[in-house]
Amino acid sequence: LFTPYKPLPPSVDFNTEFVIAYGFIHHSGGTTVEILNVTQSADTISIAVVDHLPEGPATMAATYPHHIIKIKKLELLQRGNLTFIFTDVNGTQLRNVTRFVR
C-alpha cells in the first residue's frame, strides 16, 4: 500500500500566539500567495500580500492558494477588537475583517 506523505502542521499555542491566514479561490492552477509583511498601528493590523501567477500555461481547475502564519501575542502593541486590513503590494485594499484578540 502507498501512503502519501502528509507533513504535520506546525503547532500553535493559542494562549500565546494567533494565526493570520490569506487565501482565495482561483480558477486555474499554479497561482501561489504570500504574506510579505505585517505591521500594527493602534487597533489596525496591516498585512501586505502578493499573488504569484504562473508563467505559461496552467491547468484549468479551481485551486485554493493560501498562506498561513503565526504571530506571538506579545508582539502586539494592543489587543481587543483589532481590524486586519489585507493589501496588495501597491497598497490597494483587498479585504478587511475585525476580530477580538485576547
Protein backbone atom coordinates (compact mmCIF):
# COMPACT_ATOMS: atom_id res chain seq x y z
CA LEU A 1 0.00 0.00 0.00
CA PHE A 2 1.11 3.53 -0.75
CA THR A 3 0.57 6.18 1.90
CA PRO A 4 1.30 9.72 0.71
CA TYR A 5 3.48 11.81 2.98
CA LYS A 6 1.44 14.41 4.85
CA PRO A 7 3.59 16.72 6.98
CA LEU A 8 2.12 17.70 10.31
CA PRO A 9 1.07 21.34 10.55
CA PRO A 10 3.12 23.43 12.97
CA SER A 11 1.68 23.58 16.45
CA VAL A 12 0.04 26.79 17.65
CA ASP A 13 -0.34 27.75 21.30
CA PHE A 14 -3.45 29.90 21.11
CA ASN A 15 -2.76 31.25 24.60
CA THR A 16 0.40 32.98 23.38
CA GLU A 17 0.02 33.02 19.57
CA PHE A 18 -2.58 33.69 16.89
CA VAL A 19 -2.72 32.93 13.19
CA ILE A 20 -3.21 35.13 10.15
CA ALA A 21 -4.42 33.40 7.01
CA TYR A 22 -4.84 34.74 3.48
CA GLY A 23 -6.29 32.83 0.56
CA PHE A 24 -8.92 32.76 -2.13
CA ILE A 25 -10.37 30.57 -4.87
CA HIS A 26 -8.59 30.83 -8.22
CA HIS A 27 -9.86 29.31 -11.44
CA SER A 28 -6.55 27.94 -12.69
CA GLY A 29 -3.55 26.17 -11.23
CA GLY A 30 -0.09 27.45 -10.49
CA THR A 31 -1.04 30.57 -8.52
CA THR A 32 0.53 30.99 -5.08
CA VAL A 33 0.09 33.70 -2.46
CA GLU A 34 2.50 35.06 0.11
CA ILE A 35 2.13 37.23 3.20
CA LEU A 36 5.01 39.69 2.85
CA ASN A 37 4.71 41.98 5.84
CA VAL A 38 2.61 42.52 8.98
CA THR A 39 2.56 45.86 10.79
CA GLN A 40 0.39 47.32 13.53
CA SER A 41 -0.77 50.86 14.21
CA ALA A 42 -3.04 51.11 17.28
CA ASP A 43 -6.00 48.78 16.65
CA THR A 44 -5.23 48.17 12.96
CA ILE A 45 -3.03 45.37 11.67
CA SER A 46 -1.94 45.79 8.05
CA ILE A 47 -0.99 42.68 6.09
CA ALA A 48 0.74 43.09 2.73
CA VAL A 49 0.25 40.13 0.39
CA VAL A 50 1.32 39.23 -3.12
CA ASP A 51 -0.16 36.82 -5.65
CA HIS A 52 2.36 34.93 -7.78
CA LEU A 53 0.79 33.99 -11.12
CA PRO A 54 2.13 31.07 -13.17
CA GLU A 55 4.33 31.66 -16.18
CA GLY A 56 2.98 29.96 -19.27
CA PRO A 57 0.09 27.51 -19.46
CA ALA A 58 -1.68 26.38 -16.31
CA THR A 59 -4.23 23.74 -15.55
CA MET A 60 -7.83 24.92 -15.73
CA ALA A 61 -9.14 23.79 -12.36
CA ALA A 62 -10.28 25.54 -9.22
CA THR A 63 -7.43 25.92 -6.74
CA TYR A 64 -7.19 27.46 -3.30
CA PRO A 65 -3.82 29.18 -2.87
CA HIS A 66 -3.21 30.25 0.72
CA HIS A 67 -0.54 31.30 3.20
CA ILE A 68 -0.88 30.93 6.97
CA ILE A 69 1.48 32.44 9.53
CA LYS A 70 1.54 32.61 13.31
CA ILE A 71 2.42 35.65 15.42
CA LYS A 72 3.24 35.87 19.11
CA LYS A 73 0.65 37.90 21.02
CA LEU A 74 3.48 39.57 22.97
CA GLU A 75 4.49 41.33 19.72
CA LEU A 76 1.12 43.13 19.56
CA LEU A 77 1.01 46.78 20.56
CA GLN A 78 -2.63 46.47 21.56
CA ARG A 79 -5.24 43.71 21.97
CA GLY A 80 -9.01 43.65 21.91
CA ASN A 81 -11.02 44.41 18.78
CA LEU A 82 -8.44 44.60 16.00
CA THR A 83 -9.05 45.36 12.35
CA PHE A 84 -6.97 43.29 9.94
CA ILE A 85 -6.51 45.00 6.56
CA PHE A 86 -5.10 42.97 3.68
CA THR A 87 -3.48 45.00 0.90
CA ASP A 88 -1.58 44.17 -2.26
CA VAL A 89 1.96 45.38 -2.87
CA ASN A 90 0.60 48.64 -4.33
CA GLY A 91 -1.38 49.41 -1.18
CA THR A 92 -4.78 48.61 -2.69
CA GLN A 93 -7.10 47.22 -0.02
CA LEU A 94 -8.21 43.68 -0.81
CA ARG A 95 -10.34 42.95 2.25
CA ASN A 96 -10.62 43.70 5.95
CA VAL A 97 -12.03 41.96 8.96
CA THR A 98 -12.38 42.87 12.65
CA ARG A 99 -11.73 40.23 15.29
CA PHE A 100 -11.25 40.18 19.05
CA VAL A 101 -7.74 39.15 20.16
CA ARG A 102 -7.12 38.44 23.84
